[in-house]
Amino acid sequence: KADFIAKMHIALKECAETEYWIRLLENSEYIDNNYANLLLRECLSIKKMLISSLNTIKNNFKKYKKSVDN
């Protein structure tokens, strides 16, 4: 479980880096605003899923550790 949580954190960091690059491409006018907004919406959706998954996993991991410790 701890390894999976670490992997999810890496995925979240990669998502943040992707968001940065999309904004950079938009600001440099390499991609147009409409396409950038589409990509950013998708990136935000993925970020929300990752955060929600991490919160669930961490809560379940805490409950599991408490039950094992008792």
PDB file of N, CA and C in Angstrom:
ATOM      1  N   LYS A   1       0.824  -1.206   0.000  1.00  0.00           N
ATOM      2  CA  LYS A   1       0.000   0.000   0.000  1.00  0.00           C
ATOM      3  C   LYS A   1       0.860   1.259   0.000  1.00  0.00           C
ATOM      4  N   ALA A   2       1.909   1.280   0.794  1.00  0.00           N
ATOM      5  CA  ALA A   2       2.756   2.471   0.862  1.00  0.00           C
ATOM      6  C   ALA A   2       3.412   2.749  -0.494  1.00  0.00           C
ATOM      7  N   ASP A   3       3.800   1.685  -1.195  1.00  0.00           N
ATOM      8  CA  ASP A   3       4.409   1.850  -2.512  1.00  0.00           C
ATOM      9  C   ASP A   3       3.399   2.424  -3.499  1.00  0.00           C
ATOM     10  N   PHE A   4       2.160   1.953  -3.421  1.00  0.00           N
ATOM     11  CA  PHE A   4       1.113   2.472  -4.304  1.00  0.00           C
ATOM     12  C   PHE A   4       0.849   3.949  -4.035  1.00  0.00           C
ATOM     13  N   ILE A   5       0.831   4.337  -2.772  1.00  0.00           N
ATOM     14  CA  ILE A   5       0.652   5.747  -2.407  1.00  0.00           C
ATOM     15  C   ILE A   5       1.788   6.581  -2.979  1.00  0.00           C
ATOM     16  N   ALA A   6       3.007   6.082  -2.895  1.00  0.00           N
ATOM     17  CA  ALA A   6       4.154   6.800  -3.455  1.00  0.00           C
ATOM     18  C   ALA A   6       4.011   6.960  -4.963  1.00  0.00           C
ATOM     19  N   LYS A   7       3.547   5.914  -5.642  1.00  0.00           N
ATOM     20  CA  LYS A   7       3.350   5.981  -7.093  1.00  0.00           C
ATOM     21  C   LYS A   7       2.255   6.997  -7.454  1.00  0.00           C
ATOM     22  N   MET A   8       1.230   7.060  -6.651  1.00  0.00           N
ATOM     23  CA  MET A   8       0.152   8.028  -6.901  1.00  0.00           C
ATOM     24  C   MET A   8       0.660   9.461  -6.714  1.00  0.00           C
ATOM     25  N   HIS A   9       1.542   9.668  -5.745  1.00  0.00           N
ATOM     26  CA  HIS A   9       2.144  10.990  -5.557  1.00  0.00           C
ATOM     27  C   HIS A   9       2.989  11.373  -6.772  1.00  0.00           C
ATOM     28  N   ILE A  10       3.696  10.414  -7.320  1.00  0.00           N
ATOM     29  CA  ILE A  10       4.484  10.678  -8.530  1.00  0.00           C
ATOM     30  C   ILE A  10       3.563  11.060  -9.677  1.00  0.00           C
ATOM     31  N   ALA A  11       2.465  10.351  -9.822  1.00  0.00           N
ATOM     32  CA  ALA A  11       1.497  10.669 -10.877  1.00  0.00           C
ATOM     33  C   ALA A  11       0.939  12.074 -10.705  1.00  0.00           C
ATOM     34  N   LEU A  12       0.695  12.478  -9.465  1.00  0.00           N
ATOM     35  CA  LEU A  12       0.180  13.815  -9.188  1.00  0.00           C
ATOM     36  C   LEU A  12       1.212  14.880  -9.559  1.00  0.00           C
ATOM     37  N   LYS A  13       2.476  14.626  -9.249  1.00  0.00           N
ATOM     38  CA  LYS A  13       3.543  15.557  -9.632  1.00  0.00           C
ATOM     39  C   LYS A  13       3.666  15.652 -11.146  1.00  0.00           C
ATOM     40  N   GLU A  14       3.544  14.534 -11.835  1.00  0.00           N
ATOM     41  CA  GLU A  14       3.598  14.528 -13.297  1.00  0.00           C
ATOM     42  C   GLU A  14       2.435  15.318 -13.883  1.00  0.00           C
ATOM     43  N   CYS A  15       1.288  15.224 -13.260  1.00  0.00           N
ATOM     44  CA  CYS A  15       0.117  15.979 -13.701  1.00  0.00           C
ATOM     45  C   CYS A  15       0.366  17.484 -13.558  1.00  0.00           C
ATOM     46  N   ALA A  16       0.968  17.883 -12.447  1.00  0.00           N
ATOM     47  CA  ALA A  16       1.294  19.299 -12.238  1.00  0.00           C
ATOM     48  C   ALA A  16       2.309  19.776 -13.275  1.00  0.00           C
ATOM     49  N   GLU A  17       3.272  18.927 -13.598  1.00  0.00           N
ATOM     50  CA  GLU A  17       4.257  19.299 -14.615  1.00  0.00           C
ATOM     51  C   GLU A  17       3.610  19.420 -15.989  1.00  0.00           C
ATOM     52  N   THR A  18       2.668  18.542 -16.290  1.00  0.00           N
ATOM     53  CA  THR A  18       1.944  18.608 -17.562  1.00  0.00           C
ATOM     54  C   THR A  18       1.169  19.912 -17.654  1.00  0.00           C
ATOM     55  N   GLU A  19       0.527  20.291 -16.553  1.00  0.00           N
ATOM     56  CA  GLU A  19      -0.205  21.560 -16.521  1.00  0.00           C
ATOM     57  C   GLU A  19       0.734  22.728 -16.805  1.00  0.00           C
ATOM     58  N   TYR A  20       1.913  22.706 -16.217  1.00  0.00           N
ATOM     59  CA  TYR A  20       2.906  23.754 -16.444  1.00  0.00           C
ATOM     60  C   TYR A  20       3.268  23.847 -17.934  1.00  0.00           C
ATOM     61  N   TRP A  21       3.526  22.702 -18.554  1.00  0.00           N
ATOM     62  CA  TRP A  21       3.934  22.706 -19.961  1.00  0.00           C
ATOM     63  C   TRP A  21       2.797  23.154 -20.872  1.00  0.00           C
ATOM     64  N   ILE A  22       1.573  22.790 -20.551  1.00  0.00           N
ATOM     65  CA  ILE A  22       0.436  23.248 -21.359  1.00  0.00           C
ATOM     66  C   ILE A  22       0.343  24.770 -21.292  1.00  0.00           C
ATOM     67  N   ARG A  23       0.476  25.318 -20.090  1.00  0.00           N
ATOM     68  CA  ARG A  23       0.429  26.780 -19.948  1.00  0.00           C
ATOM     69  C   ARG A  23       1.588  27.450 -20.680  1.00  0.00           C
ATOM     70  N   LEU A  24       2.754  26.856 -20.633  1.00  0.00           N
ATOM     71  CA  LEU A  24       3.912  27.392 -21.344  1.00  0.00           C
ATOM     72  C   LEU A  24       3.672  27.380 -22.853  1.00  0.00           C
ATOM     73  N   LEU A  25       3.138  26.282 -23.355  1.00  0.00           N
ATOM     74  CA  LEU A  25       2.832  26.205 -24.784  1.00  0.00           C
ATOM     75  C   LEU A  25       1.786  27.230 -25.197  1.00  0.00           C
ATOM     76  N   GLU A  26       0.811  27.434 -24.337  1.00  0.00           N
ATOM     77  CA  GLU A  26      -0.224  28.436 -24.622  1.00  0.00           C
ATOM     78  C   GLU A  26       0.369  29.846 -24.604  1.00  0.00           C
ATOM     79  N   ASN A  27       1.164  30.150 -23.594  1.00  0.00           N
ATOM     80  CA  ASN A  27       1.749  31.496 -23.480  1.00  0.00           C
ATOM     81  C   ASN A  27       2.740  31.794 -24.597  1.00  0.00           C
ATOM     82  N   SER A  28       3.390  30.773 -25.106  1.00  0.00           N
ATOM     83  CA  SER A  28       4.328  30.981 -26.213  1.00  0.00           C
ATOM     84  C   SER A  28       3.619  30.945 -27.562  1.00  0.00           C
ATOM     85  N   GLU A  29       2.300  30.769 -27.521  1.00  0.00           N
ATOM     86  CA  GLU A  29       1.441  30.723 -28.707  1.00  0.00           C
ATOM     87  C   GLU A  29       1.781  29.556 -29.630  1.00  0.00           C
ATOM     88  N   TYR A  30       2.329  28.495 -29.047  1.00  0.00           N
ATOM     89  CA  TYR A  30       2.599  27.278 -29.809  1.00  0.00           C
ATOM     90  C   TYR A  30       1.299  26.512 -30.046  1.00  0.00           C
ATOM     91  N   ILE A  31       0.388  26.592 -29.060  1.00  0.00           N
ATOM     92  CA  ILE A  31      -0.970  26.055 -29.230  1.00  0.00           C
ATOM     93  C   ILE A  31      -1.955  27.176 -28.943  1.00  0.00           C
ATOM     94  N   ASP A  32      -3.138  27.094 -29.557  1.00  0.00           N
ATOM     95  CA  ASP A  32      -4.117  28.173 -29.353  1.00  0.00           C
ATOM     96  C   ASP A  32      -4.855  28.010 -28.022  1.00  0.00           C
ATOM     97  N   ASN A  33      -5.524  29.068 -27.619  1.00  0.00           N
ATOM     98  CA  ASN A  33      -6.193  29.110 -26.313  1.00  0.00           C
ATOM     99  C   ASN A  33      -7.258  28.039 -26.168  1.00  0.00           C
ATOM    100  N   ASN A  34      -8.020  27.791 -27.229  1.00  0.00           N
ATOM    101  CA  ASN A  34      -9.094  26.789 -27.140  1.00  0.00           C
ATOM    102  C   ASN A  34      -8.528  25.400 -26.875  1.00  0.00           C
ATOM    103  N   TYR A  35      -7.484  25.043 -27.591  1.00  0.00           N
ATOM    104  CA  TYR A  35      -6.869  23.727 -27.395  1.00  0.00           C
ATOM    105  C   TYR A  35      -6.221  23.645 -26.020  1.00  0.00           C
ATOM    106  N   ALA A  36      -5.572  24.706 -25.594  1.00  0.00           N
ATOM    107  CA  ALA A  36      -4.954  24.739 -24.268  1.00  0.00           C
ATOM    108  C   ALA A  36      -6.017  24.567 -23.179  1.00  0.00           C
ATOM    109  N   ASN A  37      -7.134  25.253 -23.330  1.00  0.00           N
ATOM    110  CA  ASN A  37      -8.203  25.134 -22.340  1.00  0.00           C
ATOM    111  C   ASN A  37      -8.762  23.717 -22.283  1.00  0.00           C
ATOM    112  N   LEU A  38      -8.898  23.080 -23.441  1.00  0.00           N
ATOM    113  CA  LEU A  38      -9.353  21.696 -23.481  1.00  0.00           C
ATOM    114  C   LEU A  38      -8.381  20.790 -22.728  1.00  0.00           C
ATOM    115  N   LEU A  39      -7.099  20.950 -23.015  1.00  0.00           N
ATOM    116  CA  LEU A  39      -6.079  20.140 -22.349  1.00  0.00           C
ATOM    117  C   LEU A  39      -6.033  20.419 -20.850  1.00  0.00           C
ATOM    118  N   LEU A  40      -6.161  21.677 -20.468  1.00  0.00           N
ATOM    119  CA  LEU A  40      -6.130  22.033 -19.046  1.00  0.00           C
ATOM    120  C   LEU A  40      -7.334  21.467 -18.303  1.00  0.00           C
ATOM    121  N   ARG A  41      -8.501  21.453 -18.946  1.00  0.00           N
ATOM    122  CA  ARG A  41      -9.682  20.856 -18.313  1.00  0.00           C
ATOM    123  C   ARG A  41      -9.460  19.361 -18.082  1.00  0.00           C
ATOM    124  N   GLU A  42      -8.884  18.693 -19.074  1.00  0.00           N
ATOM    125  CA  GLU A  42      -8.590  17.264 -18.926  1.00  0.00           C
ATOM    126  C   GLU A  42      -7.566  17.031 -17.813  1.00  0.00           C
ATOM    127  N   CYS A  43      -6.547  17.867 -17.788  1.00  0.00           N
ATOM    128  CA  CYS A  43      -5.506  17.756 -16.772  1.00  0.00           C
ATOM    129  C   CYS A  43      -6.097  17.977 -15.376  1.00  0.00           C
ATOM    130  N   LEU A  44      -6.955  18.967 -15.234  1.00  0.00           N
ATOM    131  CA  LEU A  44      -7.603  19.244 -13.950  1.00  0.00           C
ATOM    132  C   LEU A  44      -8.482  18.071 -13.523  1.00  0.00           C
ATOM    133  N   SER A  45      -9.170  17.474 -14.478  1.00  0.00           N
ATOM    134  CA  SER A  45     -10.010  16.318 -14.172  1.00  0.00           C
ATOM    135  C   SER A  45      -9.161  15.156 -13.651  1.00  0.00           C
ATOM    136  N   ILE A  46      -8.039  14.915 -14.299  1.00  0.00           N
ATOM    137  CA  ILE A  46      -7.134  13.850 -13.856  1.00  0.00           C
ATOM    138  C   ILE A  46      -6.563  14.170 -12.481  1.00  0.00           C
ATOM    139  N   LYS A  47      -6.200  15.446 -12.271  1.00  0.00           N
ATOM    140  CA  LYS A  47      -5.657  15.861 -10.969  1.00  0.00           C
ATOM    141  C   LYS A  47      -6.677  15.617  -9.857  1.00  0.00           C
ATOM    142  N   LYS A  48      -7.936  15.951 -10.101  1.00  0.00           N
ATOM    143  CA  LYS A  48      -8.981  15.738  -9.100  1.00  0.00           C
ATOM    144  C   LYS A  48      -9.140  14.256  -8.781  1.00  0.00           C
ATOM    145  N   MET A  49      -9.078  13.414  -9.814  1.00  0.00           N
ATOM    146  CA  MET A  49      -9.199  11.973  -9.594  1.00  0.00           C
ATOM    147  C   MET A  49      -8.022  11.444  -8.769  1.00  0.00           C
ATOM    148  N   LEU A  50      -6.830  11.921  -9.084  1.00  0.00           N
ATOM    149  CA  LEU A  50      -5.651  11.479  -8.343  1.00  0.00           C
ATOM    150  C   LEU A  50      -5.722  11.896  -6.879  1.00  0.00           C
ATOM    151  N   ILE A  51      -6.122  13.131  -6.629  1.00  0.00           N
ATOM    152  CA  ILE A  51      -6.229  13.622  -5.256  1.00  0.00           C
ATOM    153  C   ILE A  51      -7.287  12.839  -4.490  1.00  0.00           C
ATOM    154  N   SER A  52      -8.430  12.614  -5.118  1.00  0.00           N
ATOM    155  CA  SER A  52      -9.494  11.848  -4.476  1.00  0.00           C
ATOM    156  C   SER A  52      -9.033  10.420  -4.173  1.00  0.00           C
ATOM    157  N   SER A  53      -8.357   9.819  -5.126  1.00  0.00           N
ATOM    158  CA  SER A  53      -7.847   8.457  -4.923  1.00  0.00           C
ATOM    159  C   SER A  53      -6.822   8.412  -3.798  1.00  0.00           C
ATOM    160  N   LEU A  54      -5.924   9.384  -3.780  1.00  0.00           N
ATOM    161  CA  LEU A  54      -4.928   9.435  -2.712  1.00  0.00           C
ATOM    162  C   LEU A  54      -5.573   9.580  -1.346  1.00  0.00           C
ATOM    163  N   ASN A  55      -6.564  10.447  -1.244  1.00  0.00           N
ATOM    164  CA  ASN A  55      -7.252  10.636   0.043  1.00  0.00           C
ATOM    165  C   ASN A  55      -7.921   9.343   0.491  1.00  0.00           C
ATOM    166  N   THR A  56      -8.579   8.662  -0.432  1.00  0.00           N
ATOM    167  CA  THR A  56      -9.243   7.402  -0.101  1.00  0.00           C
ATOM    168  C   THR A  56      -8.230   6.340   0.323  1.00  0.00           C
ATOM    169  N   ILE A  57      -7.169   6.215  -0.446  1.00  0.00           N
ATOM    170  CA  ILE A  57      -6.140   5.211  -0.142  1.00  0.00           C
ATOM    171  C   ILE A  57      -5.511   5.481   1.226  1.00  0.00           C
ATOM    172  N   LYS A  58      -5.182   6.742   1.488  1.00  0.00           N
ATOM    173  CA  LYS A  58      -4.561   7.082   2.772  1.00  0.00           C
ATOM    174  C   LYS A  58      -5.499   6.791   3.931  1.00  0.00           C
ATOM    175  N   ASN A  59      -6.779   7.131   3.789  1.00  0.00           N
ATOM    176  CA  ASN A  59      -7.747   6.860   4.855  1.00  0.00           C
ATOM    177  C   ASN A  59      -7.898   5.361   5.090  1.00  0.00           C
ATOM    178  N   ASN A  60      -7.978   4.601   4.008  1.00  0.00           N
ATOM    179  CA  ASN A  60      -8.100   3.146   4.137  1.00  0.00           C
ATOM    180  C   ASN A  60      -6.841   2.536   4.753  1.00  0.00           C
ATOM    181  N   PHE A  61      -5.682   3.075   4.384  1.00  0.00           N
ATOM    182  CA  PHE A  61      -4.413   2.581   4.922  1.00  0.00           C
ATOM    183  C   PHE A  61      -4.326   2.846   6.423  1.00  0.00           C
ATOM    184  N   LYS A  62      -4.783   4.034   6.850  1.00  0.00           N
ATOM    185  CA  LYS A  62      -4.787   4.355   8.281  1.00  0.00           C
ATOM    186  C   LYS A  62      -5.704   3.401   9.046  1.00  0.00           C
ATOM    187  N   LYS A  63      -6.906   3.148   8.495  1.00  0.00           N
ATOM    188  CA  LYS A  63      -7.834   2.227   9.153  1.00  0.00           C
ATOM    189  C   LYS A  63      -7.244   0.825   9.229  1.00  0.00           C
ATOM    190  N   TYR A  64      -6.586   0.397   8.165  1.00  0.00           N
ATOM    191  CA  TYR A  64      -5.976  -0.925   8.143  1.00  0.00           C
ATOM    192  C   TYR A  64      -4.878  -1.038   9.190  1.00  0.00           C
ATOM    193  N   LYS A  65      -4.025  -0.018   9.278  1.00  0.00           N
ATOM    194  CA  LYS A  65      -2.938  -0.039  10.259  1.00  0.00           C
ATOM    195  C   LYS A  65      -3.480  -0.093  11.683  1.00  0.00           C
ATOM    196  N   LYS A  66      -4.582   0.646  11.943  1.00  0.00           N
ATOM    197  CA  LYS A  66      -5.160   0.633  13.280  1.00  0.00           C
ATOM    198  C   LYS A  66      -5.702  -0.745  13.616  1.00  0.00           C
ATOM    199  N   SER A  67      -6.346  -1.389  12.649  1.00  0.00           N
ATOM    200  CA  SER A  67      -6.921  -2.719  12.914  1.00  0.00           C
ATOM    201  C   SER A  67      -5.826  -3.759  13.114  1.00  0.00           C
ATOM    202  N   VAL A  68      -4.713  -3.616  12.423  1.00  0.00           N
ATOM    203  CA  VAL A  68      -3.598  -4.559  12.575  1.00  0.00           C
ATOM    204  C   VAL A  68      -2.895  -4.344  13.904  1.00  0.00           C
ATOM    205  N   ASP A  69      -2.757  -3.082  14.315  1.00  0.00           N
ATOM    206  CA  ASP A  69      -2.080  -2.764  15.559  1.00  0.00           C
ATOM    207  C   ASP A  69      -2.861  -3.231  16.795  1.00  0.00           C
ATOM    208  N   ASN A  70      -4.168  -3.318  16.655  1.00  0.00           N
ATOM    209  CA  ASN A  70      -4.999  -3.739  17.793  1.00  0.00           C
ATOM    210  C   ASN A  70      -5.025  -5.193  17.904  1.00  0.00           C
TER     211      ASN A  70
END
